[in-house]
Amino acid sequence: MSEKDSIYKGKIMQKGIFNFKDIYEFLYNYLTDENYDVDEIKYVEKIKGDEKDLEIIWNCTKEVSDYFKNEVNLVWSVLGMKKVKVKKGNQEIILDSGSVEIKFSSSLIKDYENRWENNPGLKFIRGVYDRYIIKSRIDEYQVKLWEEVHEVINQAKSFLAIEGKN
């Protein structure tokens, strides 16, 4: 079985005015532009009067080499979202109001195709390979993944801050 090394966990939260459709598209486009395959594994919408709650889970993966794969998971929780009219200059625009929380977690997956799992000898060699032969490469991939996820979070924070200023 492939091994997963947990690399990063973080979250962003915002209460107030935002544009859900825009932040959703922004994060999707950002991740696909970074060559991640984005798989939405859950989308639940609960409507309560004029408000709705959303629960969304994304699993995003990117092959880094034939041995390594990055995995980034996003868990969205949107509570009490409703449409509101906001004045922007001389215009009235419709945005969303409520609270949005997005949790990010990432892992570096080693031997994601399970090539070294077929017999105990290969599994032992893989342990030696990981710990001694390619240790520095693993460290580089972990740092790069940490930086990528940190940048996604910073971009999302900036986007929400800009959107919230309408």
C-alpha atoms as a PDB file:
ATOM      1  CA  MET A   1       0.000   0.000   0.000  1.00  0.00           C
ATOM      2  CA  SER A   2       1.269   3.465  -0.834  1.00  0.00           C
ATOM      3  CA  GLU A   3       2.413   5.715   1.997  1.00  0.00           C
ATOM      4  CA  LYS A   4       0.962   9.154   2.729  1.00  0.00           C
ATOM      5  CA  ASP A   5       2.984  11.780   4.572  1.00  0.00           C
ATOM      6  CA  SER A   6       0.770  14.524   5.974  1.00  0.00           C
ATOM      7  CA  ILE A   7       2.343  17.859   5.039  1.00  0.00           C
ATOM      8  CA  TYR A   8       0.007  20.769   5.774  1.00  0.00           C
ATOM      9  CA  LYS A   9      -3.274  21.568   7.500  1.00  0.00           C
ATOM     10  CA  GLY A  10      -4.859  24.990   7.558  1.00  0.00           C
ATOM     11  CA  LYS A  11      -8.125  26.815   7.083  1.00  0.00           C
ATOM     12  CA  ILE A  12      -9.640  30.101   6.097  1.00  0.00           C
ATOM     13  CA  MET A  13     -12.848  31.588   7.448  1.00  0.00           C
ATOM     14  CA  GLN A  14     -14.944  34.575   6.544  1.00  0.00           C
ATOM     15  CA  LYS A  15     -18.224  35.868   7.885  1.00  0.00           C
ATOM     16  CA  GLY A  16     -20.074  38.556   6.006  1.00  0.00           C
ATOM     17  CA  ILE A  17     -20.391  39.401   2.340  1.00  0.00           C
ATOM     18  CA  PHE A  18     -18.774  37.257  -0.355  1.00  0.00           C
ATOM     19  CA  ASN A  19     -19.524  35.845  -3.784  1.00  0.00           C
ATOM     20  CA  PHE A  20     -19.698  32.073  -3.405  1.00  0.00           C
ATOM     21  CA  LYS A  21     -19.783  31.351  -7.136  1.00  0.00           C
ATOM     22  CA  ASP A  22     -16.659  33.447  -7.691  1.00  0.00           C
ATOM     23  CA  ILE A  23     -14.575  31.931  -4.842  1.00  0.00           C
ATOM     24  CA  TYR A  24     -15.649  28.438  -5.941  1.00  0.00           C
ATOM     25  CA  GLU A  25     -14.581  29.110  -9.549  1.00  0.00           C
ATOM     26  CA  PHE A  26     -11.427  30.917  -8.441  1.00  0.00           C
ATOM     27  CA  LEU A  27     -10.175  27.977  -6.352  1.00  0.00           C
ATOM     28  CA  TYR A  28     -11.164  25.423  -9.004  1.00  0.00           C
ATOM     29  CA  ASN A  29      -9.358  27.358 -11.748  1.00  0.00           C
ATOM     30  CA  TYR A  30      -6.329  28.038  -9.551  1.00  0.00           C
ATOM     31  CA  LEU A  31      -5.887  24.351  -8.724  1.00  0.00           C
ATOM     32  CA  THR A  32      -6.425  23.171 -12.306  1.00  0.00           C
ATOM     33  CA  ASP A  33      -3.944  25.812 -13.540  1.00  0.00           C
ATOM     34  CA  GLU A  34      -1.433  24.269 -11.093  1.00  0.00           C
ATOM     35  CA  ASN A  35      -2.071  20.897 -12.878  1.00  0.00           C
ATOM     36  CA  TYR A  36      -4.214  19.351 -10.140  1.00  0.00           C
ATOM     37  CA  ASP A  37      -7.077  17.032 -11.049  1.00  0.00           C
ATOM     38  CA  VAL A  38     -10.000  18.309  -8.953  1.00  0.00           C
ATOM     39  CA  ASP A  39     -12.560  15.676  -7.986  1.00  0.00           C
ATOM     40  CA  GLU A  40     -15.640  16.883  -6.138  1.00  0.00           C
ATOM     41  CA  ILE A  41     -16.534  13.892  -3.992  1.00  0.00           C
ATOM     42  CA  LYS A  42     -19.330  15.541  -2.007  1.00  0.00           C
ATOM     43  CA  TYR A  43     -21.765  18.402  -2.554  1.00  0.00           C
ATOM     44  CA  VAL A  44     -24.661  18.685  -0.109  1.00  0.00           C
ATOM     45  CA  GLU A  45     -27.022  21.650  -0.080  1.00  0.00           C
ATOM     46  CA  LYS A  46     -29.548  22.121   2.735  1.00  0.00           C
ATOM     47  CA  ILE A  47     -32.150  24.851   2.289  1.00  0.00           C
ATOM     48  CA  LYS A  48     -33.742  26.491   5.325  1.00  0.00           C
ATOM     49  CA  GLY A  49     -36.150  29.244   4.265  1.00  0.00           C
ATOM     50  CA  ASP A  50     -34.161  31.885   2.393  1.00  0.00           C
ATOM     51  CA  GLU A  51     -30.821  30.528   3.682  1.00  0.00           C
ATOM     52  CA  LYS A  52     -28.824  27.492   2.703  1.00  0.00           C
ATOM     53  CA  ASP A  53     -25.945  25.498   4.117  1.00  0.00           C
ATOM     54  CA  LEU A  54     -23.387  23.791   1.881  1.00  0.00           C
ATOM     55  CA  GLU A  55     -20.930  21.006   2.542  1.00  0.00           C
ATOM     56  CA  ILE A  56     -18.427  20.349  -0.232  1.00  0.00           C
ATOM     57  CA  ILE A  57     -15.383  18.078  -0.324  1.00  0.00           C
ATOM     58  CA  TRP A  58     -12.721  18.235  -3.027  1.00  0.00           C
ATOM     59  CA  ASN A  59      -9.915  15.725  -3.524  1.00  0.00           C
ATOM     60  CA  CYS A  60      -7.191  17.229  -5.728  1.00  0.00           C
ATOM     61  CA  THR A  61      -4.254  15.193  -6.994  1.00  0.00           C
ATOM     62  CA  LYS A  62      -1.204  15.871  -9.107  1.00  0.00           C
ATOM     63  CA  GLU A  63       1.397  13.374 -10.267  1.00  0.00           C
ATOM     64  CA  VAL A  64       4.845  14.752  -9.500  1.00  0.00           C
ATOM     65  CA  SER A  65       6.791  11.755 -10.817  1.00  0.00           C
ATOM     66  CA  ASP A  66       6.188   8.056 -11.425  1.00  0.00           C
ATOM     67  CA  TYR A  67       6.728   7.524  -7.677  1.00  0.00           C
ATOM     68  CA  PHE A  68       5.282  10.665  -6.029  1.00  0.00           C
ATOM     69  CA  LYS A  69       1.837  12.233  -6.077  1.00  0.00           C
ATOM     70  CA  ASN A  70       0.552  15.333  -4.302  1.00  0.00           C
ATOM     71  CA  GLU A  71      -2.880  15.221  -2.712  1.00  0.00           C
ATOM     72  CA  VAL A  72      -4.715  18.325  -1.510  1.00  0.00           C
ATOM     73  CA  ASN A  73      -8.122  18.063   0.160  1.00  0.00           C
ATOM     74  CA  LEU A  74     -10.544  20.946   0.630  1.00  0.00           C
ATOM     75  CA  VAL A  75     -13.544  20.705   2.945  1.00  0.00           C
ATOM     76  CA  TRP A  76     -15.989  23.575   2.477  1.00  0.00           C
ATOM     77  CA  SER A  77     -18.566  24.531   5.071  1.00  0.00           C
ATOM     78  CA  VAL A  78     -20.891  27.374   4.130  1.00  0.00           C
ATOM     79  CA  LEU A  79     -23.496  28.274   6.744  1.00  0.00           C
ATOM     80  CA  GLY A  80     -26.475  30.623   6.586  1.00  0.00           C
ATOM     81  CA  MET A  81     -25.782  31.718   3.015  1.00  0.00           C
ATOM     82  CA  LYS A  82     -28.410  33.999   1.541  1.00  0.00           C
ATOM     83  CA  LYS A  83     -28.582  36.518  -1.267  1.00  0.00           C
ATOM     84  CA  VAL A  84     -28.247  40.189  -0.342  1.00  0.00           C
ATOM     85  CA  LYS A  85     -28.276  43.407  -2.358  1.00  0.00           C
ATOM     86  CA  VAL A  86     -25.165  45.534  -2.010  1.00  0.00           C
ATOM     87  CA  LYS A  87     -24.516  49.002  -3.431  1.00  0.00           C
ATOM     88  CA  LYS A  88     -21.344  49.269  -5.477  1.00  0.00           C
ATOM     89  CA  GLY A  89     -20.950  52.802  -6.731  1.00  0.00           C
ATOM     90  CA  ASN A  90     -24.290  53.682  -8.324  1.00  0.00           C
ATOM     91  CA  GLN A  91     -25.262  50.052  -8.926  1.00  0.00           C
ATOM     92  CA  GLU A  92     -26.947  47.461  -6.797  1.00  0.00           C
ATOM     93  CA  ILE A  93     -25.427  44.007  -7.106  1.00  0.00           C
ATOM     94  CA  ILE A  94     -26.471  40.711  -5.575  1.00  0.00           C
ATOM     95  CA  LEU A  95     -23.901  38.896  -3.438  1.00  0.00           C
ATOM     96  CA  ASP A  96     -23.953  36.205  -0.758  1.00  0.00           C
ATOM     97  CA  SER A  97     -23.975  36.729   2.981  1.00  0.00           C
ATOM     98  CA  GLY A  98     -23.106  34.120   5.583  1.00  0.00           C
ATOM     99  CA  SER A  99     -20.035  32.325   6.806  1.00  0.00           C
ATOM    100  CA  VAL A 100     -17.624  30.284   4.746  1.00  0.00           C
ATOM    101  CA  GLU A 101     -14.882  28.024   6.110  1.00  0.00           C
ATOM    102  CA  ILE A 102     -12.497  26.066   3.896  1.00  0.00           C
ATOM    103  CA  LYS A 103     -10.167  23.520   5.507  1.00  0.00           C
ATOM    104  CA  PHE A 104      -7.071  22.527   3.560  1.00  0.00           C
ATOM    105  CA  SER A 105      -4.951  19.437   4.101  1.00  0.00           C
ATOM    106  CA  SER A 106      -2.208  17.995   1.951  1.00  0.00           C
ATOM    107  CA  SER A 107      -0.221  14.800   1.716  1.00  0.00           C
ATOM    108  CA  LEU A 108       2.716  13.529  -0.279  1.00  0.00           C
ATOM    109  CA  ILE A 109       1.938  10.031  -1.533  1.00  0.00           C
ATOM    110  CA  LYS A 110       4.887   7.723  -2.161  1.00  0.00           C
ATOM    111  CA  ASP A 111       4.612   4.709  -4.487  1.00  0.00           C
ATOM    112  CA  TYR A 112       1.060   5.700  -5.450  1.00  0.00           C
ATOM    113  CA  GLU A 113       0.880   2.893  -8.036  1.00  0.00           C
ATOM    114  CA  ASN A 114       1.886   0.255  -5.434  1.00  0.00           C
ATOM    115  CA  ARG A 115       4.725  -1.059  -7.573  1.00  0.00           C
ATOM    116  CA  TRP A 116       6.839  -1.991  -4.519  1.00  0.00           C
ATOM    117  CA  GLU A 117       4.062  -3.757  -2.615  1.00  0.00           C
ATOM    118  CA  ASN A 118       3.948  -7.075  -4.493  1.00  0.00           C
ATOM    119  CA  ASN A 119       6.377  -8.964  -2.265  1.00  0.00           C
ATOM    120  CA  PRO A 120       8.012  -8.467   1.137  1.00  0.00           C
ATOM    121  CA  GLY A 121      11.523  -8.118  -0.357  1.00  0.00           C
ATOM    122  CA  LEU A 122      10.519  -5.176  -2.531  1.00  0.00           C
ATOM    123  CA  LYS A 123       8.658  -3.595   0.379  1.00  0.00           C
ATOM    124  CA  PHE A 124      11.834  -3.757   2.495  1.00  0.00           C
ATOM    125  CA  ILE A 125      13.915  -2.293  -0.342  1.00  0.00           C
ATOM    126  CA  ARG A 126      11.367   0.527  -0.694  1.00  0.00           C
ATOM    127  CA  GLY A 127      11.849   1.393   2.995  1.00  0.00           C
ATOM    128  CA  VAL A 128      15.616   1.592   2.504  1.00  0.00           C
ATOM    129  CA  TYR A 129      15.124   3.549  -0.744  1.00  0.00           C
ATOM    130  CA  ASP A 130      12.849   6.096   0.976  1.00  0.00           C
ATOM    131  CA  ARG A 131      14.924   6.577   4.130  1.00  0.00           C
ATOM    132  CA  TYR A 132      18.425   6.643   2.708  1.00  0.00           C
ATOM    133  CA  ILE A 133      18.626   6.948  -1.071  1.00  0.00           C
ATOM    134  CA  ILE A 134      15.984   9.567  -1.899  1.00  0.00           C
ATOM    135  CA  LYS A 135      15.542  11.223   1.498  1.00  0.00           C
ATOM    136  CA  SER A 136      16.609  14.650   0.191  1.00  0.00           C
ATOM    137  CA  ARG A 137      14.236  14.379  -2.790  1.00  0.00           C
ATOM    138  CA  ILE A 138      11.351  13.521  -0.444  1.00  0.00           C
ATOM    139  CA  ASP A 139      12.235  16.565   1.668  1.00  0.00           C
ATOM    140  CA  GLU A 140      12.239  18.777  -1.450  1.00  0.00           C
ATOM    141  CA  TYR A 141       8.830  17.501  -2.570  1.00  0.00           C
ATOM    142  CA  GLN A 142       7.411  18.026   0.932  1.00  0.00           C
ATOM    143  CA  VAL A 143       8.656  21.620   1.074  1.00  0.00           C
ATOM    144  CA  LYS A 144       7.331  22.319  -2.425  1.00  0.00           C
ATOM    145  CA  LEU A 145       3.898  20.898  -1.550  1.00  0.00           C
ATOM    146  CA  TRP A 146       3.806  22.932   1.680  1.00  0.00           C
ATOM    147  CA  GLU A 147       4.606  26.077  -0.319  1.00  0.00           C
ATOM    148  CA  GLU A 148       1.946  25.277  -2.958  1.00  0.00           C
ATOM    149  CA  VAL A 149      -0.827  24.802  -0.398  1.00  0.00           C
ATOM    150  CA  HIS A 150       0.282  27.854   1.580  1.00  0.00           C
ATOM    151  CA  GLU A 151       0.094  29.887  -1.646  1.00  0.00           C
ATOM    152  CA  VAL A 152      -3.407  28.558  -2.472  1.00  0.00           C
ATOM    153  CA  ILE A 153      -4.571  29.628   0.986  1.00  0.00           C
ATOM    154  CA  ASN A 154      -2.999  33.080   0.601  1.00  0.00           C
ATOM    155  CA  GLN A 155      -4.606  33.517  -2.817  1.00  0.00           C
ATOM    156  CA  ALA A 156      -8.014  32.486  -1.439  1.00  0.00           C
ATOM    157  CA  LYS A 157      -7.642  34.878   1.507  1.00  0.00           C
ATOM    158  CA  SER A 158      -6.739  37.720  -0.842  1.00  0.00           C
ATOM    159  CA  PHE A 159      -9.646  36.884  -3.124  1.00  0.00           C
ATOM    160  CA  LEU A 160     -12.119  36.856  -0.230  1.00  0.00           C
ATOM    161  CA  ALA A 161     -10.709  40.113   1.129  1.00  0.00           C
ATOM    162  CA  ILE A 162     -11.117  41.777  -2.249  1.00  0.00           C
ATOM    163  CA  GLU A 163     -14.617  40.350  -2.714  1.00  0.00           C
ATOM    164  CA  GLY A 164     -15.651  41.449   0.769  1.00  0.00           C
ATOM    165  CA  LYS A 165     -14.784  45.092   0.008  1.00  0.00           C
ATOM    166  CA  ASN A 166     -17.643  45.537  -2.503  1.00  0.00           C
END
